Amino acid sequence: MPAPDAYPLHHLDAVDAFKLAVEQSGLPLPEIAKRMGWSMPQARRVFSAEKYFPSFPDLPRFCIAVGNLTVVHWLLAKATPDEQAQPHAPLDCASLLLRVADLFTEVGHVAEEACRAASDDRLQVTELRRLLKELADVLERGMALVGDLRQMERMADA
């Protein structure tokens, strides 16, 4: 099973995992293209909505170029059998607002745990674990929402 903090990535499609890796890098696309030895048209194609990805042997170099292992974590999350995995859910305006409200409720739980943990000006291991659990809930819901919105975006572009 992948690391608990990588699990929410299972909600994303491959295109989204590569885009997330680039976003997390903070690097401009031309810099990533240069590090990978790609032309700009090739780089734009890799990061477009079409299914055009770096080859398997290029994945380690890609991870080094962007400075993170997001794509590797995504692969692990996708390759882990999960009976609870849900298909993408189409959203209407009301369900979008409900899911965003749910996400903010979870963020509120993180804030509550952080306040409790910091109240004595010391962070205990049990407090850190509670914080990590609450943050994992935020990531799970957030990535599920990102995955559903990206799927809707791709369907709208098709």
C-alpha atoms as a PDB file:
ATOM      1  CA  MET A   1       0.000   0.000   0.000  1.00  0.00           C
ATOM      2  CA  PRO A   2       1.293   3.498  -0.791  1.00  0.00           C
ATOM      3  CA  ALA A   3       2.176   5.977   1.927  1.00  0.00           C
ATOM      4  CA  PRO A   4      -1.001   7.414   3.512  1.00  0.00           C
ATOM      5  CA  ASP A   5      -0.219  10.887   2.195  1.00  0.00           C
ATOM      6  CA  ALA A   6       0.055   9.536  -1.373  1.00  0.00           C
ATOM      7  CA  TYR A   7      -3.235   7.626  -1.321  1.00  0.00           C
ATOM      8  CA  PRO A   8      -5.484  10.583  -2.298  1.00  0.00           C
ATOM      9  CA  LEU A   9      -3.646  10.714  -5.611  1.00  0.00           C
ATOM     10  CA  HIS A  10      -5.636   7.653  -6.712  1.00  0.00           C
ATOM     11  CA  HIS A  11      -8.471  10.066  -7.543  1.00  0.00           C
ATOM     12  CA  LEU A  12      -6.410  11.676 -10.302  1.00  0.00           C
ATOM     13  CA  ASP A  13      -5.876  10.597 -13.880  1.00  0.00           C
ATOM     14  CA  ALA A  14      -2.373  10.418 -15.358  1.00  0.00           C
ATOM     15  CA  VAL A  15      -2.647  13.835 -17.024  1.00  0.00           C
ATOM     16  CA  ASP A  16      -3.554  15.375 -13.671  1.00  0.00           C
ATOM     17  CA  ALA A  17      -0.697  13.622 -11.857  1.00  0.00           C
ATOM     18  CA  PHE A  18       1.843  15.039 -14.305  1.00  0.00           C
ATOM     19  CA  LYS A  19       0.286  18.512 -14.072  1.00  0.00           C
ATOM     20  CA  LEU A  20       0.345  18.321 -10.274  1.00  0.00           C
ATOM     21  CA  ALA A  21       4.023  17.340 -10.327  1.00  0.00           C
ATOM     22  CA  VAL A  22       4.772  20.387 -12.475  1.00  0.00           C
ATOM     23  CA  GLU A  23       2.704  22.693 -10.243  1.00  0.00           C
ATOM     24  CA  GLN A  24       4.478  21.393  -7.147  1.00  0.00           C
ATOM     25  CA  SER A  25       7.861  21.999  -8.768  1.00  0.00           C
ATOM     26  CA  GLY A  26       7.260  25.732  -9.049  1.00  0.00           C
ATOM     27  CA  LEU A  27       9.303  25.668 -12.258  1.00  0.00           C
ATOM     28  CA  PRO A  28       8.221  27.199 -15.560  1.00  0.00           C
ATOM     29  CA  LEU A  29       7.500  24.757 -18.368  1.00  0.00           C
ATOM     30  CA  PRO A  30      10.527  25.894 -20.441  1.00  0.00           C
ATOM     31  CA  GLU A  31      12.855  24.994 -17.553  1.00  0.00           C
ATOM     32  CA  ILE A  32      11.321  21.520 -17.192  1.00  0.00           C
ATOM     33  CA  ALA A  33      11.533  21.019 -20.964  1.00  0.00           C
ATOM     34  CA  LYS A  34      15.208  22.019 -20.890  1.00  0.00           C
ATOM     35  CA  ARG A  35      15.940  19.615 -18.028  1.00  0.00           C
ATOM     36  CA  MET A  36      14.193  16.808 -19.922  1.00  0.00           C
ATOM     37  CA  GLY A  37      15.784  17.632 -23.281  1.00  0.00           C
ATOM     38  CA  TRP A  38      12.370  18.292 -24.852  1.00  0.00           C
ATOM     39  CA  SER A  39      11.428  20.860 -27.444  1.00  0.00           C
ATOM     40  CA  MET A  40       8.690  23.276 -26.341  1.00  0.00           C
ATOM     41  CA  PRO A  41       6.123  21.685 -28.710  1.00  0.00           C
ATOM     42  CA  GLN A  42       6.891  18.292 -27.162  1.00  0.00           C
ATOM     43  CA  ALA A  43       6.621  19.722 -23.633  1.00  0.00           C
ATOM     44  CA  ARG A  44       3.282  21.373 -24.436  1.00  0.00           C
ATOM     45  CA  ARG A  45       2.038  18.066 -25.834  1.00  0.00           C
ATOM     46  CA  VAL A  46       3.120  16.160 -22.703  1.00  0.00           C
ATOM     47  CA  PHE A  47       1.227  18.602 -20.472  1.00  0.00           C
ATOM     48  CA  SER A  48      -1.855  18.965 -22.653  1.00  0.00           C
ATOM     49  CA  ALA A  49      -5.079  17.036 -22.085  1.00  0.00           C
ATOM     50  CA  GLU A  50      -4.138  14.378 -24.648  1.00  0.00           C
ATOM     51  CA  LYS A  51      -2.632  11.061 -23.582  1.00  0.00           C
ATOM     52  CA  TYR A  52       0.989  11.700 -24.495  1.00  0.00           C
ATOM     53  CA  PHE A  53       3.380  10.966 -21.646  1.00  0.00           C
ATOM     54  CA  PRO A  54       7.099  10.542 -21.038  1.00  0.00           C
ATOM     55  CA  SER A  55       8.215   6.972 -21.642  1.00  0.00           C
ATOM     56  CA  PHE A  56       8.585   4.649 -18.673  1.00  0.00           C
ATOM     57  CA  PRO A  57      12.415   4.855 -18.688  1.00  0.00           C
ATOM     58  CA  ASP A  58      12.117   8.689 -18.628  1.00  0.00           C
ATOM     59  CA  LEU A  59      10.074   8.761 -15.392  1.00  0.00           C
ATOM     60  CA  PRO A  60      13.061   8.909 -13.010  1.00  0.00           C
ATOM     61  CA  ARG A  61      14.553  11.781 -15.011  1.00  0.00           C
ATOM     62  CA  PHE A  62      11.165  13.537 -14.999  1.00  0.00           C
ATOM     63  CA  CYS A  63      10.943  13.195 -11.201  1.00  0.00           C
ATOM     64  CA  ILE A  64      14.433  14.664 -10.870  1.00  0.00           C
ATOM     65  CA  ALA A  65      13.562  17.488 -13.290  1.00  0.00           C
ATOM     66  CA  VAL A  66      10.474  18.534 -11.308  1.00  0.00           C
ATOM     67  CA  GLY A  67      12.078  17.789  -7.948  1.00  0.00           C
ATOM     68  CA  ASN A  68       9.317  15.553  -6.598  1.00  0.00           C
ATOM     69  CA  LEU A  69       7.972  12.006  -6.717  1.00  0.00           C
ATOM     70  CA  THR A  70       4.325  12.887  -7.337  1.00  0.00           C
ATOM     71  CA  VAL A  71       4.061  10.708 -10.463  1.00  0.00           C
ATOM     72  CA  VAL A  72       5.656   7.743  -8.665  1.00  0.00           C
ATOM     73  CA  HIS A  73       3.285   8.187  -5.715  1.00  0.00           C
ATOM     74  CA  TRP A  74       0.377   8.402  -8.156  1.00  0.00           C
ATOM     75  CA  LEU A  75       1.482   5.133  -9.786  1.00  0.00           C
ATOM     76  CA  LEU A  76       1.621   3.431  -6.383  1.00  0.00           C
ATOM     77  CA  ALA A  77      -1.786   4.781  -5.411  1.00  0.00           C
ATOM     78  CA  LYS A  78      -3.339   3.657  -8.712  1.00  0.00           C
ATOM     79  CA  ALA A  79      -1.703   0.224  -8.535  1.00  0.00           C
ATOM     80  CA  THR A  80      -3.000  -0.470  -5.039  1.00  0.00           C
ATOM     81  CA  PRO A  81      -6.276  -2.405  -5.116  1.00  0.00           C
ATOM     82  CA  ASP A  82      -8.990  -0.514  -3.308  1.00  0.00           C
ATOM     83  CA  GLU A  83     -12.503  -1.811  -3.029  1.00  0.00           C
ATOM     84  CA  GLN A  84     -13.695   1.630  -1.962  1.00  0.00           C
ATOM     85  CA  ALA A  85     -12.448   3.457  -5.059  1.00  0.00           C
ATOM     86  CA  GLN A  86     -15.321   5.391  -6.557  1.00  0.00           C
ATOM     87  CA  PRO A  87     -15.773   6.423 -10.179  1.00  0.00           C
ATOM     88  CA  HIS A  88     -15.662  10.131 -10.933  1.00  0.00           C
ATOM     89  CA  ALA A  89     -18.862  11.868  -9.872  1.00  0.00           C
ATOM     90  CA  PRO A  90     -20.311  14.514 -12.178  1.00  0.00           C
ATOM     91  CA  LEU A  91     -21.066  17.717 -10.292  1.00  0.00           C
ATOM     92  CA  ASP A  92     -23.822  20.248 -10.550  1.00  0.00           C
ATOM     93  CA  CYS A  93     -23.612  23.630  -8.825  1.00  0.00           C
ATOM     94  CA  ALA A  94     -25.354  22.444  -5.646  1.00  0.00           C
ATOM     95  CA  SER A  95     -23.175  19.355  -5.233  1.00  0.00           C
ATOM     96  CA  LEU A  96     -20.039  21.418  -5.914  1.00  0.00           C
ATOM     97  CA  LEU A  97     -20.951  23.822  -3.115  1.00  0.00           C
ATOM     98  CA  LEU A  98     -21.708  20.923  -0.757  1.00  0.00           C
ATOM     99  CA  ARG A  99     -18.356  19.297  -1.480  1.00  0.00           C
ATOM    100  CA  VAL A 100     -16.472  22.562  -1.010  1.00  0.00           C
ATOM    101  CA  ALA A 101     -18.314  23.124   2.288  1.00  0.00           C
ATOM    102  CA  ASP A 102     -17.348  19.591   3.350  1.00  0.00           C
ATOM    103  CA  LEU A 103     -13.739  20.332   2.446  1.00  0.00           C
ATOM    104  CA  PHE A 104     -13.760  23.513   4.548  1.00  0.00           C
ATOM    105  CA  THR A 105     -15.299  21.582   7.437  1.00  0.00           C
ATOM    106  CA  GLU A 106     -12.327  19.216   7.266  1.00  0.00           C
ATOM    107  CA  VAL A 107      -9.924  22.174   7.169  1.00  0.00           C
ATOM    108  CA  GLY A 108     -11.683  23.438  10.302  1.00  0.00           C
ATOM    109  CA  HIS A 109     -10.962  20.101  11.980  1.00  0.00           C
ATOM    110  CA  VAL A 110      -7.278  20.569  11.149  1.00  0.00           C
ATOM    111  CA  ALA A 111      -7.361  24.041  12.716  1.00  0.00           C
ATOM    112  CA  GLU A 112      -9.053  22.700  15.857  1.00  0.00           C
ATOM    113  CA  GLU A 113      -6.438  19.960  16.234  1.00  0.00           C
ATOM    114  CA  ALA A 114      -3.622  22.435  15.621  1.00  0.00           C
ATOM    115  CA  CYS A 115      -4.969  24.791  18.296  1.00  0.00           C
ATOM    116  CA  ARG A 116      -5.309  21.939  20.766  1.00  0.00           C
ATOM    117  CA  ALA A 117      -1.824  20.674  19.960  1.00  0.00           C
ATOM    118  CA  ALA A 118      -0.241  24.112  20.317  1.00  0.00           C
ATOM    119  CA  SER A 119      -2.127  25.078  23.489  1.00  0.00           C
ATOM    120  CA  ASP A 120       0.719  23.945  25.770  1.00  0.00           C
ATOM    121  CA  ASP A 121       3.423  25.211  23.385  1.00  0.00           C
ATOM    122  CA  ARG A 122       4.663  21.633  22.840  1.00  0.00           C
ATOM    123  CA  LEU A 123       3.827  19.157  20.097  1.00  0.00           C
ATOM    124  CA  GLN A 124       3.386  15.602  21.309  1.00  0.00           C
ATOM    125  CA  VAL A 125       3.564  12.562  19.029  1.00  0.00           C
ATOM    126  CA  THR A 126      -0.121  11.750  19.607  1.00  0.00           C
ATOM    127  CA  GLU A 127      -1.043  15.316  18.643  1.00  0.00           C
ATOM    128  CA  LEU A 128       1.031  15.085  15.486  1.00  0.00           C
ATOM    129  CA  ARG A 129      -0.719  11.848  14.550  1.00  0.00           C
ATOM    130  CA  ARG A 130      -4.156  13.423  15.047  1.00  0.00           C
ATOM    131  CA  LEU A 131      -3.086  16.368  12.892  1.00  0.00           C
ATOM    132  CA  LEU A 132      -1.812  14.037  10.184  1.00  0.00           C
ATOM    133  CA  LYS A 133      -5.082  12.101  10.207  1.00  0.00           C
ATOM    134  CA  GLU A 134      -7.096  15.302   9.837  1.00  0.00           C
ATOM    135  CA  LEU A 135      -4.813  16.503   7.043  1.00  0.00           C
ATOM    136  CA  ALA A 136      -5.183  13.143   5.285  1.00  0.00           C
ATOM    137  CA  ASP A 137      -8.968  13.660   5.359  1.00  0.00           C
ATOM    138  CA  VAL A 138      -8.528  17.080   3.725  1.00  0.00           C
ATOM    139  CA  LEU A 139      -6.252  15.616   1.048  1.00  0.00           C
ATOM    140  CA  GLU A 140      -8.617  12.723   0.349  1.00  0.00           C
ATOM    141  CA  ARG A 141     -11.623  14.986  -0.144  1.00  0.00           C
ATOM    142  CA  GLY A 142      -9.637  17.632  -2.002  1.00  0.00           C
ATOM    143  CA  MET A 143      -8.072  15.203  -4.460  1.00  0.00           C
ATOM    144  CA  ALA A 144     -11.438  13.519  -5.045  1.00  0.00           C
ATOM    145  CA  LEU A 145     -12.886  16.912  -5.934  1.00  0.00           C
ATOM    146  CA  VAL A 146      -9.909  17.771  -8.167  1.00  0.00           C
ATOM    147  CA  GLY A 147     -10.265  14.423  -9.944  1.00  0.00           C
ATOM    148  CA  ASP A 148     -13.991  14.908 -10.532  1.00  0.00           C
ATOM    149  CA  LEU A 149     -13.539  18.484 -11.783  1.00  0.00           C
ATOM    150  CA  ARG A 150     -10.678  17.486 -14.111  1.00  0.00           C
ATOM    151  CA  GLN A 151     -12.780  14.654 -15.543  1.00  0.00           C
ATOM    152  CA  MET A 152     -15.642  17.088 -16.184  1.00  0.00           C
ATOM    153  CA  GLU A 153     -13.177  19.522 -17.785  1.00  0.00           C
ATOM    154  CA  ARG A 154     -11.918  16.817 -20.151  1.00  0.00           C
ATOM    155  CA  MET A 155     -15.467  15.770 -21.038  1.00  0.00           C
ATOM    156  CA  ALA A 156     -16.361  19.398 -21.799  1.00  0.00           C
ATOM    157  CA  ASP A 157     -13.300  19.749 -24.058  1.00  0.00           C
ATOM    158  CA  ALA A 158     -14.098  16.530 -25.955  1.00  0.00           C
END
